[in-house]
């Protein structure tokens, strides 16, 4: 469980940085639609990753418990 928590919080910190970078890219690259789309996709994938990582413990407890 300690390893899972370490991975979960590390991934959360990394995803937070990625979301920050995606937001900066989205604002700074407003004139190029392709780069804005890439920034939106980067943010979307970071959020999906966070949901998966944080929901894993609930799913395992539901299946095992």
Protein backbone atom coordinates (compact mmCIF):
# COMPACT_ATOMS: atom_id res chain seq x y z
CA UNK A 1 0.00 0.00 0.00
CA UNK A 2 2.91 2.34 0.69
CA UNK A 3 4.23 1.81 -2.84
CA UNK A 4 0.78 2.46 -4.32
CA UNK A 5 0.46 5.70 -2.36
CA UNK A 6 3.92 6.79 -3.46
CA UNK A 7 3.07 6.13 -7.11
CA UNK A 8 -0.34 7.77 -6.74
CA UNK A 9 0.99 10.99 -5.24
CA UNK A 10 3.97 11.13 -7.58
CA UNK A 11 1.72 10.70 -10.59
CA UNK A 12 -0.60 13.38 -9.23
CA UNK A 13 2.29 15.82 -8.92
CA UNK A 14 3.50 15.02 -12.43
CA UNK A 15 -0.02 15.37 -13.84
CA UNK A 16 -0.34 18.74 -12.11
CA UNK A 17 2.83 19.94 -13.83
CA UNK A 18 1.57 18.61 -17.17
CA UNK A 19 -1.75 20.40 -16.69
CA UNK A 20 0.12 23.60 -15.90
CA UNK A 21 2.26 23.26 -19.02
CA UNK A 22 -0.78 22.44 -21.14
CA UNK A 23 -2.58 25.54 -19.84
CA UNK A 24 0.40 27.75 -20.56
CA UNK A 25 0.76 26.25 -24.03
CA UNK A 26 -2.94 26.72 -24.71
CA UNK A 27 -2.79 30.40 -23.76
CA UNK A 28 0.54 31.17 -25.42
CA UNK A 29 -0.11 29.38 -28.71
CA UNK A 30 -3.51 30.86 -29.42
CA UNK A 31 -2.85 31.63 -33.07
CA UNK A 32 -2.02 28.08 -34.19
CA UNK A 33 -5.10 25.80 -34.00
CA UNK A 34 -3.05 22.59 -34.27
CA UNK A 35 -0.86 23.48 -31.29
CA UNK A 36 -3.92 24.52 -29.28
CA UNK A 37 -5.49 21.14 -30.05
CA UNK A 38 -2.31 19.40 -28.87
CA UNK A 39 -2.42 21.37 -25.62
CA UNK A 40 -6.08 20.40 -25.09
CA UNK A 41 -5.25 16.75 -25.73
CA UNK A 42 -2.34 16.90 -23.29
CA UNK A 43 -4.63 18.26 -20.58
CA UNK A 44 -7.33 15.69 -21.36
CA UNK A 45 -4.88 12.79 -21.15
CA UNK A 46 -3.48 14.06 -17.86
CA UNK A 47 -6.99 14.24 -16.38
CA UNK A 48 -7.87 10.77 -17.66
CA UNK A 49 -4.66 9.42 -16.13
CA UNK A 50 -5.51 11.02 -12.80
CA UNK A 51 -8.98 9.51 -12.80
CA UNK A 52 -7.58 6.06 -13.56
CA UNK A 53 -4.90 6.27 -10.88
CA UNK A 54 -7.25 7.54 -8.19
CA UNK A 55 -10.03 5.08 -9.11
CA UNK A 56 -7.77 2.03 -9.09
CA UNK A 57 -7.91 1.60 -5.32
CA UNK A 58 -11.71 1.77 -5.33
CA UNK A 59 -11.95 -0.81 -8.11
CA UNK A 60 -9.54 -3.21 -6.37
CA UNK A 61 -11.40 -2.88 -3.06
CA UNK A 62 -14.69 -3.53 -4.84
CA UNK A 63 -13.37 -6.66 -6.57
CA UNK A 64 -11.44 -8.08 -3.62
CA UNK A 65 -13.58 -6.91 -0.76
